[in-house]
């Protein structure tokens, strides 16, 4: 057989093979059906319970008191906020301590609430309200950033601590707080500055005097990880157009905070990071310890996942939201992590609180779906949720 015939036969054989393959592919395509419901899929983790649903403004903070009362807050981030702090009572949210106190006083920013970012029950019969005085992350109103204590027995304001000017920068956004009544005459409060445009920090305030200092201001541990790109619901998250029209990921500094049961260790993490950091509280409070010495004492405890809020229990475990994976993670005494909640309904776990009933409560508020991250289109779907999962642990003591 000539070379010409060999080429012809080879071409014919290839054509037949291609026709056969195309026919097989067409047959497979024709027989394809919708994905079967029983196909292998990602599994959920944890027995998740829905405690309450929010059909109006988006909540951030939640706290559960020693008697089981539940308080929440709604920052002024663009929603129609009827009141910035509320109590869940009789199946609805009511203004707390009352409607009038939830209105800013234009003549005196220290009176009335402006925009509350966090609420924390202190285990001593009070709930504290952290007022950023910075609606929509604007520069804080002078004299407006403050801590307000409300007596749970009388529902009356019993103390207001205005942050001194030396700790509130034009870029400051006070975010979350933890209390220790074993340190100082009336106790000490640690507050994160989760700035989106300036240095992050831990603000340490003496409750008796109202004096405060900025610690770890601009340190690596309180700052945005410059390489961090969050991925939520399978897509790059917290992205908006910068001044130059190019995509820009929002960077949020030190955010979540938790205090060990003995009060000796403060845990914290920037929202724009996957690392957990820890620092001895005695060094934070000691003005003689330089910033360099303090930074050197900070421990990087490694990756935990990207989180917003943190919490600790009486056994020393640390809990962290895992907003990239719709979950909650728990750090054990040996430093290892376990996932206690993984569920597609946990859309941005924000703030965590251990209740007296052995449950971990947390808000899920779809923060990543806000209009600012989607060319002005609000992708949030109401309701937002208050959820809980059983952890069989008590809140970390504050005294």
Protein backbone atom coordinates (compact mmCIF):
# COMPACT_ATOMS: atom_id res chain seq x y z
CA UNK A 1 0.00 0.00 0.00
CA UNK A 2 1.36 3.40 -0.99
CA UNK A 3 2.08 6.20 1.45
CA UNK A 4 -0.81 8.12 -0.09
CA UNK A 5 -3.24 5.30 0.73
CA UNK A 6 -1.87 5.09 4.31
CA UNK A 7 -2.61 8.76 4.82
CA UNK A 8 -6.13 8.36 3.47
CA UNK A 9 -6.87 5.37 5.71
CA UNK A 10 -5.46 7.20 8.77
CA UNK A 11 -7.59 10.25 8.03
CA UNK A 12 -10.68 8.09 7.61
CA UNK A 13 -10.01 6.25 10.89
CA UNK A 14 -9.54 9.54 12.74
CA UNK A 15 -12.79 10.90 11.32
CA UNK A 16 -14.68 7.79 12.41
CA UNK A 17 -13.18 8.06 15.91
CA UNK A 18 -14.14 11.72 16.20
CA UNK A 19 -17.67 11.01 15.01
CA UNK A 20 -17.92 8.23 17.60
CA UNK A 21 -16.64 10.50 20.37
CA UNK A 22 -18.99 13.30 19.40
CA UNK A 23 -21.90 10.87 19.33
CA UNK A 24 -20.95 9.58 22.78
CA UNK A 25 -20.64 13.11 24.14
CA UNK A 26 -23.99 14.04 22.64
CA UNK A 27 -25.54 10.96 24.19
CA UNK A 28 -24.08 11.83 27.62
CA UNK A 29 -25.30 15.42 27.32
CA UNK A 30 -28.75 14.26 26.30
CA UNK A 31 -28.96 11.96 29.31
CA UNK A 32 -27.83 14.63 31.80
CA UNK A 33 -30.37 15.61 34.42
CA UNK A 34 -30.63 18.05 37.29
CA UNK A 35 -28.24 17.43 40.18
CA UNK A 36 -29.68 14.69 42.40
CA UNK A 37 -30.68 15.75 45.88
CA UNK A 38 -28.81 12.84 47.45
CA UNK A 39 -25.47 13.64 45.79
CA UNK A 40 -22.49 14.05 48.16
CA UNK A 41 -22.35 17.58 49.56
CA UNK A 42 -20.70 19.64 52.28
CA UNK A 43 -22.01 18.76 55.72
CA UNK A 44 -23.14 21.16 58.42
CA UNK A 45 -21.61 21.09 61.89
CA UNK A 46 -23.31 21.91 65.19
CA UNK A 47 -26.88 21.95 66.44
CA UNK A 48 -27.75 25.51 65.49
CA UNK A 49 -30.78 27.24 67.05
CA UNK A 50 -32.41 30.47 65.92
CA UNK A 51 -33.25 32.67 68.91
CA UNK A 52 -34.62 35.77 67.20
CA UNK A 53 -35.04 37.35 63.76
CA UNK A 54 -34.55 41.02 62.88
CA UNK A 55 -36.72 42.44 60.09
CA UNK A 56 -35.59 46.06 60.21
CA UNK A 57 -32.12 47.49 60.89
CA UNK A 58 -29.05 45.28 60.81
CA UNK A 59 -27.67 44.34 64.26
CA UNK A 60 -24.02 43.95 65.18
CA UNK A 61 -23.58 43.40 68.93
CA UNK A 62 -25.32 41.07 71.34
CA UNK A 63 -24.84 40.34 75.02
CA UNK A 64 -26.58 37.99 77.43
CA UNK A 65 -26.67 39.00 81.10
CA UNK A 66 -26.17 36.75 84.12
CA UNK A 67 -29.97 36.51 84.43
CA UNK A 68 -30.54 35.74 80.76
CA UNK A 69 -31.65 39.15 79.48
CA UNK A 70 -30.57 39.77 75.88
CA UNK A 71 -29.43 43.14 74.55
CA UNK A 72 -28.53 44.05 70.98
CA UNK A 73 -27.37 47.14 69.13
CA UNK A 74 -27.80 48.70 65.72
CA UNK A 75 -25.05 51.07 64.52
CA UNK A 76 -25.83 54.00 62.24
CA UNK A 77 -24.52 52.46 59.03
CA UNK A 78 -27.19 53.67 56.64
CA UNK A 79 -30.21 51.60 57.70
CA UNK A 80 -33.28 53.26 59.17
CA UNK A 81 -32.26 52.88 62.82
CA UNK A 82 -35.16 53.61 65.18
CA UNK A 83 -32.91 53.14 68.22
CA UNK A 84 -29.27 52.15 68.48
CA UNK A 85 -29.63 49.88 71.57
CA UNK A 86 -32.48 47.52 72.33
CA UNK A 87 -33.55 44.66 74.56
CA UNK A 88 -35.26 41.56 73.19
CA UNK A 89 -38.36 41.31 75.31
CA UNK A 90 -41.69 39.53 74.79
CA UNK A 91 -40.86 38.59 71.22
CA UNK A 92 -39.78 42.04 70.05
CA UNK A 93 -36.93 44.52 70.37
CA UNK A 94 -37.60 47.62 72.48
CA UNK A 95 -35.40 50.69 72.92
CA UNK A 96 -33.04 50.48 75.91
CA UNK A 97 -32.81 52.00 78.43
CA UNK A 98 -35.55 54.06 76.78
CA UNK A 99 -36.37 55.79 73.51
CA UNK A 100 -35.29 59.26 74.63
CA UNK A 101 -31.77 58.15 75.59
CA UNK A 102 -31.41 56.64 72.11
CA UNK A 103 -31.52 60.13 70.61
CA UNK A 104 -28.34 62.16 70.30
CA UNK A 105 -28.22 65.49 72.09
CA UNK A 106 -27.05 68.08 69.50
CA UNK A 107 -25.84 70.39 72.26
CA UNK A 108 -23.91 67.79 74.25
CA UNK A 109 -22.56 64.68 72.46
CA UNK A 110 -21.86 63.07 75.85
CA UNK A 111 -25.60 62.90 76.50
CA UNK A 112 -27.72 60.47 74.56
CA UNK A 113 -26.57 57.74 72.21
CA UNK A 114 -25.22 58.49 68.74
CA UNK A 115 -24.18 55.16 67.19
CA UNK A 116 -23.54 52.15 69.40
CA UNK A 117 -21.28 49.41 68.05
CA UNK A 118 -21.18 47.02 71.01
CA UNK A 119 -23.09 46.08 74.16
CA UNK A 120 -21.51 44.02 76.94
CA UNK A 121 -22.98 42.77 80.22
CA UNK A 122 -20.26 42.98 82.85
CA UNK A 123 -21.40 40.17 85.15
CA UNK A 124 -21.84 42.72 87.94
CA UNK A 125 -25.40 43.81 87.33
CA UNK A 126 -24.75 46.31 84.55
CA UNK A 127 -24.76 46.43 80.78
CA UNK A 128 -22.29 48.73 79.06
CA UNK A 129 -22.94 50.52 75.77
CA UNK A 130 -20.02 51.47 73.51
CA UNK A 131 -20.87 54.59 71.52
CA UNK A 132 -18.56 55.23 68.56
CA UNK A 133 -20.02 58.70 67.91
CA UNK A 134 -18.99 57.90 64.34
CA UNK A 135 -21.98 57.13 62.11
CA UNK A 136 -20.91 55.45 58.87
CA UNK A 137 -17.29 55.40 60.07
CA UNK A 138 -17.02 59.20 59.94
CA UNK A 139 -14.63 61.02 62.27
CA UNK A 140 -15.95 60.69 65.85
CA UNK A 141 -17.94 63.67 67.07
CA UNK A 142 -15.83 65.53 69.62
CA UNK A 143 -16.73 64.41 73.13
CA UNK A 144 -19.19 61.83 71.84
CA UNK A 145 -17.23 58.57 71.91
CA UNK A 146 -18.10 57.07 75.27
CA UNK A 147 -18.92 54.14 77.50
CA UNK A 148 -22.31 54.14 79.20
CA UNK A 149 -23.20 51.83 82.09
CA UNK A 150 -26.85 50.98 82.78
CA UNK A 151 -27.95 49.36 86.04
CA UNK A 152 -29.93 46.23 85.18
CA UNK A 153 -32.04 46.43 88.34
CA UNK A 154 -33.27 49.97 87.73
CA UNK A 155 -32.63 50.32 83.97
CA UNK A 156 -31.07 53.70 84.72
CA UNK A 157 -27.76 55.10 83.48
CA UNK A 158 -25.31 55.02 86.38
CA UNK A 159 -22.02 56.01 84.72
CA UNK A 160 -20.82 57.70 81.55
CA UNK A 161 -17.15 57.63 80.61
CA UNK A 162 -16.24 59.90 77.71
CA UNK A 163 -13.02 58.78 76.05
CA UNK A 164 -10.34 61.44 76.54
CA UNK A 165 -9.10 63.20 73.42
CA UNK A 166 -5.65 61.60 73.70
CA UNK A 167 -7.01 58.17 72.70
CA UNK A 168 -9.60 59.17 70.08
CA UNK A 169 -8.02 59.97 66.71
CA UNK A 170 -9.97 61.38 63.74
CA UNK A 171 -9.76 57.83 62.32
CA UNK A 172 -10.80 56.00 65.51
CA UNK A 173 -13.71 53.58 65.49
CA UNK A 174 -14.15 52.02 68.94
CA UNK A 175 -15.48 48.54 68.32
CA UNK A 176 -15.62 46.04 71.18
CA UNK A 177 -14.74 45.87 74.86
CA UNK A 178 -13.99 43.56 77.79
CA UNK A 179 -14.04 44.29 81.52
CA UNK A 180 -11.85 43.21 84.42
CA UNK A 181 -12.89 44.33 87.91
CA UNK A 182 -9.83 42.72 89.49
CA UNK A 183 -7.59 45.45 88.08
CA UNK A 184 -7.90 49.03 89.33
CA UNK A 185 -10.06 50.56 92.04
CA UNK A 186 -13.29 50.17 90.07
CA UNK A 187 -11.99 48.00 87.26
CA UNK A 188 -10.39 48.28 83.85
CA UNK A 189 -11.92 48.14 80.39
CA UNK A 190 -10.07 47.15 77.21
CA UNK A 191 -11.44 48.53 73.94
CA UNK A 192 -10.41 47.85 70.34
CA UNK A 193 -9.94 50.65 67.82
CA UNK A 194 -10.90 49.03 64.53
CA UNK A 195 -10.08 51.97 62.31
CA UNK A 196 -10.59 51.58 58.57
CA UNK A 197 -8.31 54.50 57.70
CA UNK A 198 -5.78 54.86 60.50
CA UNK A 199 -3.91 52.86 63.13
CA UNK A 200 -5.59 50.12 65.11
CA UNK A 201 -5.02 49.98 68.86
CA UNK A 202 -6.08 48.64 72.24
CA UNK A 203 -7.46 51.44 74.41
CA UNK A 204 -7.02 50.79 78.13
CA UNK A 205 -9.30 52.79 80.43
CA UNK A 206 -9.34 52.98 84.20
CA UNK A 207 -13.02 53.04 85.17
CA UNK A 208 -12.55 54.99 88.43
CA UNK A 209 -10.65 57.92 86.93
CA UNK A 210 -11.72 57.74 83.30
CA UNK A 211 -8.08 58.05 82.26
CA UNK A 212 -7.13 56.07 79.17
CA UNK A 213 -4.11 55.20 77.04
CA UNK A 214 -3.63 53.89 73.51
CA UNK A 215 -1.50 50.75 73.45
CA UNK A 216 -0.12 48.88 70.45
CA UNK A 217 -1.24 51.80 68.29
CA UNK A 218 -0.26 50.95 64.73
CA UNK A 219 1.55 47.79 65.82
CA UNK A 220 1.60 44.84 63.45
CA UNK A 221 -0.72 42.88 65.74
CA UNK A 222 -3.46 45.53 65.69
CA UNK A 223 -3.06 46.42 62.01
CA UNK A 224 -4.59 45.20 58.78
CA UNK A 225 -2.71 42.33 57.14
CA UNK A 226 -1.69 43.96 53.82
CA UNK A 227 -1.84 40.61 52.01
CA UNK A 228 -5.30 39.70 53.30
CA UNK A 229 -8.11 39.18 50.79
CA UNK A 230 -11.32 37.79 52.36
CA UNK A 231 -13.41 35.32 50.40
CA UNK A 232 -17.04 34.95 51.48
CA UNK A 233 -19.74 33.01 49.66
CA UNK A 234 -17.11 32.04 47.09
CA UNK A 235 -16.23 35.60 46.11
CA UNK A 236 -13.75 38.25 47.16
CA UNK A 237 -15.53 40.23 49.87
CA UNK A 238 -15.54 43.76 51.28
CA UNK A 239 -14.48 45.13 47.90
CA UNK A 240 -15.55 48.56 46.66
CA UNK A 241 -14.24 51.08 44.14
CA UNK A 242 -11.41 53.25 45.37
CA UNK A 243 -10.94 56.95 44.51
CA UNK A 244 -9.11 55.88 41.35
CA UNK A 245 -12.01 53.67 40.26
CA UNK A 246 -10.08 50.48 40.89
CA UNK A 247 -11.33 47.70 43.23
CA UNK A 248 -10.19 48.15 46.82
CA UNK A 249 -10.61 45.75 49.73
CA UNK A 250 -11.77 47.39 52.96
CA UNK A 251 -9.15 46.97 55.66
CA UNK A 252 -10.36 46.81 59.26
CA UNK A 253 -7.88 46.93 62.14
CA UNK A 254 -8.10 45.33 65.62
CA UNK A 255 -11.69 44.25 66.09
CA UNK A 256 -12.53 41.14 68.12
CA UNK A 257 -11.43 40.97 71.75
CA UNK A 258 -11.65 38.40 74.57
CA UNK A 259 -10.30 38.21 78.11
CA UNK A 260 -9.02 35.04 79.77
CA UNK A 261 -10.91 33.84 82.89
CA UNK A 262 -8.08 34.96 85.19
CA UNK A 263 -7.88 38.36 83.52
CA UNK A 264 -4.18 37.93 82.74
CA UNK A 265 -4.36 37.55 78.96
CA UNK A 266 -6.12 39.66 76.36
CA UNK A 267 -6.86 38.03 73.01
CA UNK A 268 -7.51 40.17 69.95
CA UNK A 269 -7.52 40.11 66.18
CA UNK A 270 -7.84 42.55 63.30
CA UNK A 271 -10.91 41.82 61.19
CA UNK A 272 -8.63 41.92 58.14
CA UNK A 273 -6.41 39.06 59.28
CA UNK A 274 -6.65 35.36 60.03
CA UNK A 275 -4.32 35.46 63.02
CA UNK A 276 -5.09 35.52 66.74
CA UNK A 277 -2.86 37.56 69.03
CA UNK A 278 -2.45 37.58 72.81
CA UNK A 279 -0.80 39.99 75.23
CA UNK A 280 -0.37 40.06 79.04
CA UNK A 281 -2.84 42.55 80.48
CA UNK A 282 -0.41 43.60 83.22
CA UNK A 283 1.88 45.00 80.54
CA UNK A 284 -0.99 46.77 78.78
CA UNK A 285 -1.85 48.60 82.00
CA UNK A 286 1.73 49.48 82.93
CA UNK A 287 2.63 52.92 81.59
CA UNK A 288 6.31 52.18 82.24
CA UNK A 289 6.27 49.45 79.58
CA UNK A 290 7.28 51.00 76.27
CA UNK A 291 5.46 50.32 73.02
CA UNK A 292 8.49 48.40 71.76
CA UNK A 293 8.52 46.23 74.87
CA UNK A 294 4.78 45.69 74.64
CA UNK A 295 4.92 44.69 70.97
CA UNK A 296 7.70 42.24 71.76
CA UNK A 297 5.46 40.63 74.40
CA UNK A 298 2.59 40.05 71.98
CA UNK A 299 2.22 36.43 70.92
CA UNK A 300 1.03 35.46 67.46
CA UNK A 301 -1.05 32.35 68.18
CA UNK A 302 -1.31 31.45 64.52
CA UNK A 303 -4.21 31.17 62.13
CA UNK A 304 -7.76 30.79 63.36
CA UNK A 305 -9.66 31.82 60.25
CA UNK A 306 -10.96 35.32 59.56
CA UNK A 307 -13.18 36.57 62.35
CA UNK A 308 -15.17 39.54 63.49
CA UNK A 309 -16.04 38.94 67.15
CA UNK A 310 -14.21 36.88 69.79
CA UNK A 311 -15.31 35.50 73.16
CA UNK A 312 -13.92 33.41 76.02
CA UNK A 313 -15.59 31.07 78.50
CA UNK A 314 -14.90 30.20 82.14
CA UNK A 315 -12.84 27.16 81.10
CA UNK A 316 -10.38 29.26 79.13
CA UNK A 317 -11.60 28.35 75.66
CA UNK A 318 -11.61 31.14 73.07
CA UNK A 319 -14.32 31.34 70.43
CA UNK A 320 -13.99 33.09 67.08
CA UNK A 321 -16.43 33.72 64.30
CA UNK A 322 -15.23 32.34 60.96
CA UNK A 323 -16.94 34.59 58.45
CA UNK A 324 -15.22 33.06 55.42
CA UNK A 325 -16.61 29.62 56.23
CA UNK A 326 -19.98 30.46 57.80
CA UNK A 327 -18.95 29.12 61.15
CA UNK A 328 -17.72 29.39 64.72
CA UNK A 329 -14.37 28.01 65.87
CA UNK A 330 -13.16 27.11 69.35
CA UNK A 331 -9.57 27.25 70.62
CA UNK A 332 -8.83 24.57 73.18
CA UNK A 333 -6.40 24.76 76.09
CA UNK A 334 -3.68 23.01 74.07
CA UNK A 335 -3.90 25.65 71.35
CA UNK A 336 -5.68 23.49 68.81
CA UNK A 337 -8.85 24.61 67.05
CA UNK A 338 -12.10 22.83 66.36
CA UNK A 339 -15.11 23.92 64.35
CA UNK A 340 -18.28 23.88 66.45
CA UNK A 341 -20.58 25.51 63.88
CA UNK A 342 -20.50 25.33 60.09
CA UNK A 343 -23.75 26.19 58.39
CA UNK A 344 -24.61 28.18 55.23
CA UNK A 345 -27.17 30.15 57.25
CA UNK A 346 -24.40 31.67 59.36
CA UNK A 347 -23.95 34.63 57.04
CA UNK A 348 -21.26 36.76 58.68
CA UNK A 349 -21.10 35.81 62.37
CA UNK A 350 -20.50 39.14 64.04
CA UNK A 351 -20.58 39.36 67.85
CA UNK A 352 -20.40 36.43 70.31
CA UNK A 353 -21.67 36.18 73.90
CA UNK A 354 -21.70 33.27 76.36
CA UNK A 355 -24.99 33.06 78.24
CA UNK A 356 -25.65 31.69 81.74
CA UNK A 357 -27.49 28.76 80.14
CA UNK A 358 -24.36 27.22 78.60
CA UNK A 359 -25.07 28.53 75.09
CA UNK A 360 -22.91 30.67 72.85
CA UNK A 361 -25.09 33.38 71.29
CA UNK A 362 -24.10 35.26 68.13
CA UNK A 363 -25.51 37.57 65.49
CA UNK A 364 -25.43 36.75 61.76
CA UNK A 365 -25.98 39.98 59.84
CA UNK A 366 -24.83 39.51 56.22
CA UNK A 367 -22.36 42.38 56.57
CA UNK A 368 -20.54 41.36 53.37
CA UNK A 369 -23.72 41.88 51.32
CA UNK A 370 -24.05 45.59 52.11
CA UNK A 371 -24.59 47.94 49.19
CA UNK A 372 -21.19 49.58 49.56
CA UNK A 373 -19.51 46.37 48.48
CA UNK A 374 -21.79 45.74 45.49
CA UNK A 375 -21.87 48.93 43.42
CA UNK A 376 -24.69 50.38 45.48
CA UNK A 377 -26.94 47.32 45.36
CA UNK A 378 -28.00 45.99 48.76
CA UNK A 379 -27.85 42.18 48.57
CA UNK A 380 -28.86 41.53 52.17
CA UNK A 381 -31.96 39.39 52.65
CA UNK A 382 -34.04 39.95 55.75
CA UNK A 383 -34.37 38.71 58.36
CA UNK A 384 -31.02 38.88 60.11
CA UNK A 385 -30.56 36.29 62.84
CA UNK A 386 -29.61 35.85 66.47
CA UNK A 387 -28.38 32.27 66.77
CA UNK A 388 -26.98 30.04 69.47
CA UNK A 389 -25.18 26.73 69.93
CA UNK A 390 -24.73 24.69 73.11
CA UNK A 391 -21.18 24.80 74.51
CA UNK A 392 -21.82 23.63 78.11
CA UNK A 393 -19.65 26.38 79.56
CA UNK A 394 -20.19 29.49 81.67
CA UNK A 395 -19.14 33.06 80.84
CA UNK A 396 -15.60 34.03 81.79
CA UNK A 397 -15.70 35.78 85.20
CA UNK A 398 -14.93 39.49 85.40
CA UNK A 399 -14.16 39.57 89.13
